[in-house]
Amino acid sequence: MTSHEATIQVEHEPDLSRYTLRQDGEPVGLADYRLIGQELRFTHTEIDPARRDLGLAGILIERALDDVRIRTDLTVVADCPYVAEWIDQHAEYQDLLSRGR
């Protein structure tokens, strides 16, 4: 883990249907989702424009998917184009798209 990553926290905020990425305690990114039956549908990913190109969106999605894998048996649906592309590039997460079916 780099010192850059050490300052990053990803928090699940179920009341907001969101994962929030914080850097040095400040919210700088989010991944919104909708829970529909046994599906957790990621609908939107956003990173503060001033902090793009630092790999933060990938860190956010990886940690969010890790949380979904550990805490639930829900099927992930990647409605968000960024999440869909990220999962396509990370074969070790593709099982989340079909579990529970």
PDB file of N, CA and C in Angstrom:
ATOM      1  N   MET A   1       0.848  -1.178   0.000  1.00  0.00           N
ATOM      2  CA  MET A   1       0.000   0.000   0.000  1.00  0.00           C
ATOM      3  C   MET A   1       0.891   1.238   0.000  1.00  0.00           C
ATOM      4  N   THR A   2       0.631   2.156  -0.910  1.00  0.00           N
ATOM      5  CA  THR A   2       1.416   3.387  -0.969  1.00  0.00           C
ATOM      6  C   THR A   2       0.936   4.355   0.096  1.00  0.00           C
ATOM      7  N   SER A   3       1.744   5.371   0.370  1.00  0.00           N
ATOM      8  CA  SER A   3       1.309   6.376   1.355  1.00  0.00           C
ATOM      9  C   SER A   3       0.068   7.098   0.859  1.00  0.00           C
ATOM     10  N   HIS A   4      -0.051   7.224  -0.465  1.00  0.00           N
ATOM     11  CA  HIS A   4      -1.240   7.826  -1.080  1.00  0.00           C
ATOM     12  C   HIS A   4      -2.478   7.013  -0.706  1.00  0.00           C
ATOM     13  N   GLU A   5      -2.380   5.676  -0.788  1.00  0.00           N
ATOM     14  CA  GLU A   5      -3.522   4.824  -0.464  1.00  0.00           C
ATOM     15  C   GLU A   5      -3.791   4.764   1.030  1.00  0.00           C
ATOM     16  N   ALA A   6      -2.759   4.963   1.843  1.00  0.00           N
ATOM     17  CA  ALA A   6      -2.927   4.871   3.299  1.00  0.00           C
ATOM     18  C   ALA A   6      -3.880   5.938   3.819  1.00  0.00           C
ATOM     19  N   THR A   7      -4.016   7.049   3.110  1.00  0.00           N
ATOM     20  CA  THR A   7      -4.892   8.133   3.546  1.00  0.00           C
ATOM     21  C   THR A   7      -6.323   7.951   3.058  1.00  0.00           C
ATOM     22  N   ILE A   8      -6.576   6.841   2.362  1.00  0.00           N
ATOM     23  CA  ILE A   8      -7.882   6.624   1.737  1.00  0.00           C
ATOM     24  C   ILE A   8      -8.714   5.656   2.569  1.00  0.00           C
ATOM     25  N   GLN A   9      -9.984   6.022   2.742  1.00  0.00           N
ATOM     26  CA  GLN A   9     -10.945   5.148   3.397  1.00  0.00           C
ATOM     27  C   GLN A   9     -12.175   5.061   2.511  1.00  0.00           C
ATOM     28  N   VAL A  10     -12.752   3.874   2.427  1.00  0.00           N
ATOM     29  CA  VAL A  10     -14.020   3.693   1.721  1.00  0.00           C
ATOM     30  C   VAL A  10     -15.034   3.235   2.753  1.00  0.00           C
ATOM     31  N   GLU A  11     -16.110   3.989   2.858  1.00  0.00           N
ATOM     32  CA  GLU A  11     -17.152   3.711   3.847  1.00  0.00           C
ATOM     33  C   GLU A  11     -18.450   3.338   3.146  1.00  0.00           C
ATOM     34  N   HIS A  12     -19.081   2.294   3.637  1.00  0.00           N
ATOM     35  CA  HIS A  12     -20.409   1.927   3.144  1.00  0.00           C
ATOM     36  C   HIS A  12     -21.420   2.754   3.925  1.00  0.00           C
ATOM     37  N   GLU A  13     -22.280   3.455   3.218  1.00  0.00           N
ATOM     38  CA  GLU A  13     -23.332   4.257   3.833  1.00  0.00           C
ATOM     39  C   GLU A  13     -24.678   3.726   3.339  1.00  0.00           C
ATOM     40  N   PRO A  14     -25.169   2.650   3.962  1.00  0.00           N
ATOM     41  CA  PRO A  14     -26.392   2.012   3.457  1.00  0.00           C
ATOM     42  C   PRO A  14     -27.613   2.927   3.465  1.00  0.00           C
ATOM     43  N   ASP A  15     -27.696   3.865   4.398  1.00  0.00           N
ATOM     44  CA  ASP A  15     -28.850   4.774   4.424  1.00  0.00           C
ATOM     45  C   ASP A  15     -28.888   5.661   3.183  1.00  0.00           C
ATOM     46  N   LEU A  16     -27.733   5.874   2.558  1.00  0.00           N
ATOM     47  CA  LEU A  16     -27.651   6.682   1.339  1.00  0.00           C
ATOM     48  C   LEU A  16     -27.513   5.814   0.089  1.00  0.00           C
ATOM     49  N   SER A  17     -27.455   4.480   0.262  1.00  0.00           N
ATOM     50  CA  SER A  17     -27.214   3.548  -0.851  1.00  0.00           C
ATOM     51  C   SER A  17     -25.954   3.970  -1.607  1.00  0.00           C
ATOM     52  N   ARG A  18     -24.854   4.026  -0.853  1.00  0.00           N
ATOM     53  CA  ARG A  18     -23.639   4.609  -1.421  1.00  0.00           C
ATOM     54  C   ARG A  18     -22.401   4.084  -0.699  1.00  0.00           C
ATOM     55  N   TYR A  19     -21.318   4.004  -1.461  1.00  0.00           N
ATOM     56  CA  TYR A  19     -19.980   3.859  -0.904  1.00  0.00           C
ATOM     57  C   TYR A  19     -19.291   5.195  -1.115  1.00  0.00           C
ATOM     58  N   THR A  20     -18.680   5.729  -0.060  1.00  0.00           N
ATOM     59  CA  THR A  20     -18.011   7.021  -0.140  1.00  0.00           C
ATOM     60  C   THR A  20     -16.521   6.831   0.063  1.00  0.00           C
ATOM     61  N   LEU A  21     -15.742   7.424  -0.821  1.00  0.00           N
ATOM     62  CA  LEU A  21     -14.294   7.408  -0.705  1.00  0.00           C
ATOM     63  C   LEU A  21     -13.855   8.709  -0.063  1.00  0.00           C
ATOM     64  N   ARG A  22     -13.078   8.584   1.004  1.00  0.00           N
ATOM     65  CA  ARG A  22     -12.549   9.752   1.703  1.00  0.00           C
ATOM     66  C   ARG A  22     -11.037   9.718   1.619  1.00  0.00           C
ATOM     67  N   GLN A  23     -10.463  10.877   1.364  1.00  0.00           N
ATOM     68  CA  GLN A  23      -9.012  11.024   1.370  1.00  0.00           C
ATOM     69  C   GLN A  23      -8.683  12.086   2.404  1.00  0.00           C
ATOM     70  N   ASP A  24      -7.859  11.698   3.365  1.00  0.00           N
ATOM     71  CA  ASP A  24      -7.533  12.579   4.494  1.00  0.00           C
ATOM     72  C   ASP A  24      -8.804  13.067   5.182  1.00  0.00           C
ATOM     73  N   GLY A  25      -9.814  12.194   5.272  1.00  0.00           N
ATOM     74  CA  GLY A  25     -11.062  12.506   5.959  1.00  0.00           C
ATOM     75  C   GLY A  25     -12.074  13.274   5.137  1.00  0.00           C
ATOM     76  N   GLU A  26     -11.682  13.733   3.956  1.00  0.00           N
ATOM     77  CA  GLU A  26     -12.565  14.536   3.107  1.00  0.00           C
ATOM     78  C   GLU A  26     -13.219  13.658   2.038  1.00  0.00           C
ATOM     79  N   PRO A  27     -14.547  13.742   1.855  1.00  0.00           N
ATOM     80  CA  PRO A  27     -15.181  12.947   0.796  1.00  0.00           C
ATOM     81  C   PRO A  27     -14.753  13.449  -0.582  1.00  0.00           C
ATOM     82  N   VAL A  28     -14.240  12.528  -1.400  1.00  0.00           N
ATOM     83  CA  VAL A  28     -13.764  12.897  -2.735  1.00  0.00           C
ATOM     84  C   VAL A  28     -14.344  12.006  -3.829  1.00  0.00           C
ATOM     85  N   GLY A  29     -15.124  10.998  -3.441  1.00  0.00           N
ATOM     86  CA  GLY A  29     -15.701  10.124  -4.442  1.00  0.00           C
ATOM     87  C   GLY A  29     -16.867   9.337  -3.888  1.00  0.00           C
ATOM     88  N   LEU A  30     -17.679   8.803  -4.807  1.00  0.00           N
ATOM     89  CA  LEU A  30     -18.832   8.015  -4.389  1.00  0.00           C
ATOM     90  C   LEU A  30     -19.171   6.993  -5.454  1.00  0.00           C
ATOM     91  N   ALA A  31     -19.789   5.931  -4.994  1.00  0.00           N
ATOM     92  CA  ALA A  31     -20.352   4.908  -5.870  1.00  0.00           C
ATOM     93  C   ALA A  31     -21.764   4.644  -5.362  1.00  0.00           C
ATOM     94  N   ASP A  32     -22.743   5.116  -6.117  1.00  0.00           N
ATOM     95  CA  ASP A  32     -24.143   4.935  -5.750  1.00  0.00           C
ATOM     96  C   ASP A  32     -24.643   3.583  -6.251  1.00  0.00           C
ATOM     97  N   TYR A  33     -25.592   3.023  -5.527  1.00  0.00           N
ATOM     98  CA  TYR A  33     -26.196   1.766  -5.940  1.00  0.00           C
ATOM     99  C   TYR A  33     -27.668   1.756  -5.570  1.00  0.00           C
ATOM    100  N   ARG A  34     -28.382   0.803  -6.170  1.00  0.00           N
ATOM    101  CA  ARG A  34     -29.775   0.528  -5.800  1.00  0.00           C
ATOM    102  C   ARG A  34     -29.863  -0.946  -5.461  1.00  0.00           C
ATOM    103  N   LEU A  35     -30.533  -1.248  -4.397  1.00  0.00           N
ATOM    104  CA  LEU A  35     -30.762  -2.623  -3.981  1.00  0.00           C
ATOM    105  C   LEU A  35     -32.145  -3.031  -4.460  1.00  0.00           C
ATOM    106  N   ILE A  36     -32.196  -3.988  -5.382  1.00  0.00           N
ATOM    107  CA  ILE A  36     -33.453  -4.452  -5.954  1.00  0.00           C
ATOM    108  C   ILE A  36     -33.492  -5.965  -5.808  1.00  0.00           C
ATOM    109  N   GLY A  37     -34.305  -6.444  -4.873  1.00  0.00           N
ATOM    110  CA  GLY A  37     -34.362  -7.876  -4.610  1.00  0.00           C
ATOM    111  C   GLY A  37     -33.002  -8.387  -4.175  1.00  0.00           C
ATOM    112  N   GLN A  38     -32.467  -9.349  -4.905  1.00  0.00           N
ATOM    113  CA  GLN A  38     -31.155  -9.929  -4.597  1.00  0.00           C
ATOM    114  C   GLN A  38     -30.049  -9.317  -5.448  1.00  0.00           C
ATOM    115  N   GLU A  39     -30.328  -8.156  -6.058  1.00  0.00           N
ATOM    116  CA  GLU A  39     -29.334  -7.482  -6.899  1.00  0.00           C
ATOM    117  C   GLU A  39     -28.892  -6.171  -6.266  1.00  0.00           C
ATOM    118  N   LEU A  40     -27.587  -5.962  -6.259  1.00  0.00           N
ATOM    119  CA  LEU A  40     -27.031  -4.669  -5.894  1.00  0.00           C
ATOM    120  C   LEU A  40     -26.556  -4.048  -7.200  1.00  0.00           C
ATOM    121  N   ARG A  41     -27.268  -3.021  -7.648  1.00  0.00           N
ATOM    122  CA  ARG A  41     -27.043  -2.410  -8.962  1.00  0.00           C
ATOM    123  C   ARG A  41     -26.258  -1.114  -8.788  1.00  0.00           C
ATOM    124  N   PHE A  42     -24.979  -1.132  -9.172  1.00  0.00           N
ATOM    125  CA  PHE A  42     -24.172   0.087  -9.140  1.00  0.00           C
ATOM    126  C   PHE A  42     -24.634   0.984 -10.275  1.00  0.00           C
ATOM    127  N   THR A  43     -25.041   2.205  -9.922  1.00  0.00           N
ATOM    128  CA  THR A  43     -25.654   3.101 -10.902  1.00  0.00           C
ATOM    129  C   THR A  43     -24.788   4.294 -11.287  1.00  0.00           C
ATOM    130  N   HIS A  44     -23.848   4.678 -10.419  1.00  0.00           N
ATOM    131  CA  HIS A  44     -23.085   5.901 -10.694  1.00  0.00           C
ATOM    132  C   HIS A  44     -21.801   5.902  -9.872  1.00  0.00           C
ATOM    133  N   THR A  45     -20.711   6.282 -10.508  1.00  0.00           N
ATOM    134  CA  THR A  45     -19.429   6.462  -9.825  1.00  0.00           C
ATOM    135  C   THR A  45     -18.922   7.856 -10.151  1.00  0.00           C
ATOM    136  N   GLU A  46     -18.427   8.539  -9.135  1.00  0.00           N
ATOM    137  CA  GLU A  46     -17.961   9.915  -9.333  1.00  0.00           C
ATOM    138  C   GLU A  46     -16.755  10.186  -8.437  1.00  0.00           C
ATOM    139  N   ILE A  47     -15.763  10.850  -8.999  1.00  0.00           N
ATOM    140  CA  ILE A  47     -14.578  11.280  -8.254  1.00  0.00           C
ATOM    141  C   ILE A  47     -14.427  12.782  -8.467  1.00  0.00           C
ATOM    142  N   ASP A  48     -14.028  13.492  -7.419  1.00  0.00           N
ATOM    143  CA  ASP A  48     -13.758  14.925  -7.512  1.00  0.00           C
ATOM    144  C   ASP A  48     -12.858  15.176  -8.727  1.00  0.00           C
ATOM    145  N   PRO A  49     -13.281  16.058  -9.653  1.00  0.00           N
ATOM    146  CA  PRO A  49     -12.498  16.299 -10.867  1.00  0.00           C
ATOM    147  C   PRO A  49     -11.031  16.670 -10.596  1.00  0.00           C
ATOM    148  N   ALA A  50     -10.763  17.340  -9.504  1.00  0.00           N
ATOM    149  CA  ALA A  50      -9.386  17.741  -9.186  1.00  0.00           C
ATOM    150  C   ALA A  50      -8.523  16.542  -8.787  1.00  0.00           C
ATOM    151  N   ARG A  51      -9.159  15.393  -8.530  1.00  0.00           N
ATOM    152  CA  ARG A  51      -8.404  14.215  -8.063  1.00  0.00           C
ATOM    153  C   ARG A  51      -8.515  13.037  -9.020  1.00  0.00           C
ATOM    154  N   ARG A  52      -8.977  13.315 -10.211  1.00  0.00           N
ATOM    155  CA  ARG A  52      -9.051  12.247 -11.205  1.00  0.00           C
ATOM    156  C   ARG A  52      -7.642  11.915 -11.669  1.00  0.00           C
ATOM    157  N   ASP A  53      -7.497  10.801 -12.332  1.00  0.00           N
ATOM    158  CA  ASP A  53      -6.207  10.316 -12.840  1.00  0.00           C
ATOM    159  C   ASP A  53      -5.254   9.906 -11.733  1.00  0.00           C
ATOM    160  N   LEU A  54      -5.784   9.663 -10.532  1.00  0.00           N
ATOM    161  CA  LEU A  54      -4.956   9.172  -9.424  1.00  0.00           C
ATOM    162  C   LEU A  54      -5.292   7.722  -9.090  1.00  0.00           C
ATOM    163  N   GLY A  55      -6.214   7.133  -9.846  1.00  0.00           N
ATOM    164  CA  GLY A  55      -6.618   5.758  -9.596  1.00  0.00           C
ATOM    165  C   GLY A  55      -7.633   5.601  -8.482  1.00  0.00           C
ATOM    166  N   LEU A  56      -8.218   6.698  -8.035  1.00  0.00           N
ATOM    167  CA  LEU A  56      -9.135   6.641  -6.904  1.00  0.00           C
ATOM    168  C   LEU A  56     -10.424   5.900  -7.232  1.00  0.00           C
ATOM    169  N   ALA A  57     -10.927   6.048  -8.451  1.00  0.00           N
ATOM    170  CA  ALA A  57     -12.168   5.355  -8.818  1.00  0.00           C
ATOM    171  C   ALA A  57     -11.966   3.845  -8.751  1.00  0.00           C
ATOM    172  N   GLY A  58     -10.834   3.372  -9.204  1.00  0.00           N
ATOM    173  CA  GLY A  58     -10.547   1.937  -9.140  1.00  0.00           C
ATOM    174  C   GLY A  58     -10.457   1.434  -7.712  1.00  0.00           C
ATOM    175  N   ILE A  59      -9.820   2.214  -6.846  1.00  0.00           N
ATOM    176  CA  ILE A  59      -9.731   1.853  -5.426  1.00  0.00           C
ATOM    177  C   ILE A  59     -11.124   1.795  -4.814  1.00  0.00           C
ATOM    178  N   LEU A  60     -11.950   2.791  -5.128  1.00  0.00           N
ATOM    179  CA  LEU A  60     -13.316   2.843  -4.608  1.00  0.00           C
ATOM    180  C   LEU A  60     -14.108   1.601  -5.025  1.00  0.00           C
ATOM    181  N   ILE A  61     -14.071   1.271  -6.303  1.00  0.00           N
ATOM    182  CA  ILE A  61     -14.857   0.141  -6.789  1.00  0.00           C
ATOM    183  C   ILE A  61     -14.312  -1.176  -6.242  1.00  0.00           C
ATOM    184  N   GLU A  62     -13.010  -1.328  -6.194  1.00  0.00           N
ATOM    185  CA  GLU A  62     -12.436  -2.565  -5.658  1.00  0.00           C
ATOM    186  C   GLU A  62     -12.857  -2.785  -4.207  1.00  0.00           C
ATOM    187  N   ARG A  63     -12.761  -1.753  -3.405  1.00  0.00           N
ATOM    188  CA  ARG A  63     -13.128  -1.899  -1.987  1.00  0.00           C
ATOM    189  C   ARG A  63     -14.631  -2.087  -1.803  1.00  0.00           C
ATOM    190  N   ALA A  64     -15.436  -1.422  -2.638  1.00  0.00           N
ATOM    191  CA  ALA A  64     -16.886  -1.611  -2.563  1.00  0.00           C
ATOM    192  C   ALA A  64     -17.251  -3.048  -2.928  1.00  0.00           C
ATOM    193  N   LEU A  65     -16.658  -3.564  -3.995  1.00  0.00           N
ATOM    194  CA  LEU A  65     -16.953  -4.940  -4.401  1.00  0.00           C
ATOM    195  C   LEU A  65     -16.448  -5.941  -3.373  1.00  0.00           C
ATOM    196  N   ASP A  66     -15.303  -5.674  -2.774  1.00  0.00           N
ATOM    197  CA  ASP A  66     -14.812  -6.546  -1.705  1.00  0.00           C
ATOM    198  C   ASP A  66     -15.811  -6.584  -0.551  1.00  0.00           C
ATOM    199  N   ASP A  67     -16.368  -5.424  -0.215  1.00  0.00           N
ATOM    200  CA  ASP A  67     -17.351  -5.355   0.862  1.00  0.00           C
ATOM    201  C   ASP A  67     -18.609  -6.148   0.508  1.00  0.00           C
ATOM    202  N   VAL A  68     -19.083  -5.996  -0.720  1.00  0.00           N
ATOM    203  CA  VAL A  68     -20.269  -6.741  -1.161  1.00  0.00           C
ATOM    204  C   VAL A  68     -19.986  -8.240  -1.071  1.00  0.00           C
ATOM    205  N   ARG A  69     -18.803  -8.663  -1.507  1.00  0.00           N
ATOM    206  CA  ARG A  69     -18.452 -10.087  -1.482  1.00  0.00           C
ATOM    207  C   ARG A  69     -18.438 -10.634  -0.058  1.00  0.00           C
ATOM    208  N   ILE A  70     -17.859  -9.879   0.859  1.00  0.00           N
ATOM    209  CA  ILE A  70     -17.694 -10.334   2.243  1.00  0.00           C
ATOM    210  C   ILE A  70     -19.013 -10.306   3.017  1.00  0.00           C
ATOM    211  N   ARG A  71     -19.788  -9.236   2.865  1.00  0.00           N
ATOM    212  CA  ARG A  71     -20.975  -9.030   3.702  1.00  0.00           C
ATOM    213  C   ARG A  71     -22.249  -9.659   3.169  1.00  0.00           C
ATOM    214  N   THR A  72     -22.320  -9.941   1.857  1.00  0.00           N
ATOM    215  CA  THR A  72     -23.600 -10.347   1.274  1.00  0.00           C
ATOM    216  C   THR A  72     -23.433 -11.537   0.334  1.00  0.00           C
ATOM    217  N   ASP A  73     -24.555 -12.027  -0.143  1.00  0.00           N
ATOM    218  CA  ASP A  73     -24.545 -12.996  -1.243  1.00  0.00           C
ATOM    219  C   ASP A  73     -25.311 -12.415  -2.438  1.00  0.00           C
ATOM    220  N   LEU A  74     -25.365 -11.095  -2.510  1.00  0.00           N
ATOM    221  CA  LEU A  74     -26.084 -10.402  -3.575  1.00  0.00           C
ATOM    222  C   LEU A  74     -25.357 -10.524  -4.913  1.00  0.00           C
ATOM    223  N   THR A  75     -26.142 -10.461  -5.984  1.00  0.00           N
ATOM    224  CA  THR A  75     -25.598 -10.409  -7.335  1.00  0.00           C
ATOM    225  C   THR A  75     -25.317  -8.946  -7.667  1.00  0.00           C
ATOM    226  N   VAL A  76     -24.136  -8.670  -8.180  1.00  0.00           N
ATOM    227  CA  VAL A  76     -23.774  -7.311  -8.587  1.00  0.00           C
ATOM    228  C   VAL A  76     -24.222  -7.100 -10.028  1.00  0.00           C
ATOM    229  N   VAL A  77     -24.861  -5.969 -10.280  1.00  0.00           N
ATOM    230  CA  VAL A  77     -25.225  -5.553 -11.633  1.00  0.00           C
ATOM    231  C   VAL A  77     -24.532  -4.216 -11.869  1.00  0.00           C
ATOM    232  N   ALA A  78     -23.747  -4.161 -12.932  1.00  0.00           N
ATOM    233  CA  ALA A  78     -22.952  -2.969 -13.219  1.00  0.00           C
ATOM    234  C   ALA A  78     -23.688  -2.093 -14.231  1.00  0.00           C
ATOM    235  N   ASP A  79     -24.662  -1.327 -13.751  1.00  0.00           N
ATOM    236  CA  ASP A  79     -25.359  -0.371 -14.620  1.00  0.00           C
ATOM    237  C   ASP A  79     -24.457   0.824 -14.932  1.00  0.00           C
ATOM    238  N   CYS A  80     -23.545   1.138 -14.048  1.00  0.00           N
ATOM    239  CA  CYS A  80     -22.596   2.226 -14.250  1.00  0.00           C
ATOM    240  C   CYS A  80     -21.523   1.766 -15.245  1.00  0.00           C
ATOM    241  N   PRO A  81     -21.284   2.512 -16.316  1.00  0.00           N
ATOM    242  CA  PRO A  81     -20.282   2.097 -17.303  1.00  0.00           C
ATOM    243  C   PRO A  81     -18.881   1.922 -16.705  1.00  0.00           C
ATOM    244  N   TYR A  82     -18.506   2.755 -15.752  1.00  0.00           N
ATOM    245  CA  TYR A  82     -17.177   2.612 -15.151  1.00  0.00           C
ATOM    246  C   TYR A  82     -17.074   1.286 -14.400  1.00  0.00           C
ATOM    247  N   VAL A  83     -18.080   0.948 -13.621  1.00  0.00           N
ATOM    248  CA  VAL A  83     -18.063  -0.311 -12.867  1.00  0.00           C
ATOM    249  C   VAL A  83     -18.026  -1.490 -13.829  1.00  0.00           C
ATOM    250  N   ALA A  84     -18.801  -1.444 -14.898  1.00  0.00           N
ATOM    251  CA  ALA A  84     -18.823  -2.535 -15.880  1.00  0.00           C
ATOM    252  C   ALA A  84     -17.439  -2.716 -16.499  1.00  0.00           C
ATOM    253  N   GLU A  85     -16.802  -1.628 -16.891  1.00  0.00           N
ATOM    254  CA  GLU A  85     -15.470  -1.708 -17.494  1.00  0.00           C
ATOM    255  C   GLU A  85     -14.453  -2.224 -16.481  1.00  0.00           C
ATOM    256  N   TRP A  86     -14.544  -1.756 -15.233  1.00  0.00           N
ATOM    257  CA  TRP A  86     -13.592  -2.187 -14.202  1.00  0.00           C
ATOM    258  C   TRP A  86     -13.707  -3.694 -13.973  1.00  0.00           C
ATOM    259  N   ILE A  87     -14.929  -4.199 -13.860  1.00  0.00           N
ATOM    260  CA  ILE A  87     -15.117  -5.632 -13.655  1.00  0.00           C
ATOM    261  C   ILE A  87     -14.633  -6.420 -14.870  1.00  0.00           C
ATOM    262  N   ASP A  88     -14.873  -5.910 -16.079  1.00  0.00           N
ATOM    263  CA  ASP A  88     -14.378  -6.572 -17.286  1.00  0.00           C
ATOM    264  C   ASP A  88     -12.858  -6.724 -17.256  1.00  0.00           C
ATOM    265  N   GLN A  89     -12.165  -5.762 -16.666  1.00  0.00           N
ATOM    266  CA  GLN A  89     -10.701  -5.772 -16.615  1.00  0.00           C
ATOM    267  C   GLN A  89     -10.147  -6.537 -15.417  1.00  0.00           C
ATOM    268  N   HIS A  90     -10.998  -6.987 -14.513  1.00  0.00           N
ATOM    269  CA  HIS A  90     -10.566  -7.691 -13.301  1.00  0.00           C
ATOM    270  C   HIS A  90     -11.357  -8.991 -13.172  1.00  0.00           C
ATOM    271  N   ALA A  91     -10.844 -10.019 -13.814  1.00  0.00           N
ATOM    272  CA  ALA A  91     -11.541 -11.304 -13.894  1.00  0.00           C
ATOM    273  C   ALA A  91     -11.899 -11.872 -12.527  1.00  0.00           C
ATOM    274  N   GLU A  92     -11.111 -11.566 -11.519  1.00  0.00           N
ATOM    275  CA  GLU A  92     -11.355 -12.120 -10.183  1.00  0.00           C
ATOM    276  C   GLU A  92     -12.633 -11.582  -9.541  1.00  0.00           C
ATOM    277  N   TYR A  93     -13.265 -10.583 -10.154  1.00  0.00           N
ATOM    278  CA  TYR A  93     -14.524 -10.029  -9.631  1.00  0.00           C
ATOM    279  C   TYR A  93     -15.738 -10.415 -10.477  1.00  0.00           C
ATOM    280  N   GLN A  94     -15.521 -11.078 -11.592  1.00  0.00           N
ATOM    281  CA  GLN A  94     -16.629 -11.378 -12.491  1.00  0.00           C
ATOM    282  C   GLN A  94     -17.637 -12.359 -11.915  1.00  0.00           C
ATOM    283  N   ASP A  95     -17.220 -13.172 -10.942  1.00  0.00           N
ATOM    284  CA  ASP A  95     -18.161 -14.098 -10.318  1.00  0.00           C
ATOM    285  C   ASP A  95     -19.286 -13.363  -9.586  1.00  0.00           C
ATOM    286  N   LEU A  96     -19.046 -12.117  -9.183  1.00  0.00           N
ATOM    287  CA  LEU A  96     -20.073 -11.340  -8.483  1.00  0.00           C
ATOM    288  C   LEU A  96     -21.273 -11.054  -9.387  1.00  0.00           C
ATOM    289  N   LEU A  97     -21.044 -11.089 -10.703  1.00  0.00           N
ATOM    290  CA  LEU A  97     -22.115 -10.798 -11.654  1.00  0.00           C
ATOM    291  C   LEU A  97     -23.098 -11.940 -11.802  1.00  0.00           C
ATOM    292  N   SER A  98     -22.713 -13.141 -11.374  1.00  0.00           N
ATOM    293  CA  SER A  98     -23.587 -14.288 -11.612  1.00  0.00           C
ATOM    294  C   SER A  98     -23.945 -15.054 -10.337  1.00  0.00           C
ATOM    295  N   ARG A  99     -23.376 -14.689  -9.221  1.00  0.00           N
ATOM    296  CA  ARG A  99     -23.714 -15.458  -8.027  1.00  0.00           C
ATOM    297  C   ARG A  99     -25.155 -15.184  -7.609  1.00  0.00           C
ATOM    298  N   GLY A 100     -25.768 -16.176  -6.990  1.00  0.00           N
ATOM    299  CA  GLY A 100     -27.142 -16.029  -6.548  1.00  0.00           C
ATOM    300  C   GLY A 100     -28.159 -16.258  -7.645  1.00  0.00           C
ATOM    301  N   ARG A 101     -27.699 -16.536  -8.834  1.00  0.00           N
ATOM    302  CA  ARG A 101     -28.639 -16.755  -9.948  1.00  0.00           C
ATOM    303  C   ARG A 101     -28.837 -18.212 -10.181  1.00  0.00           C
TER     304      ARG A 101
END
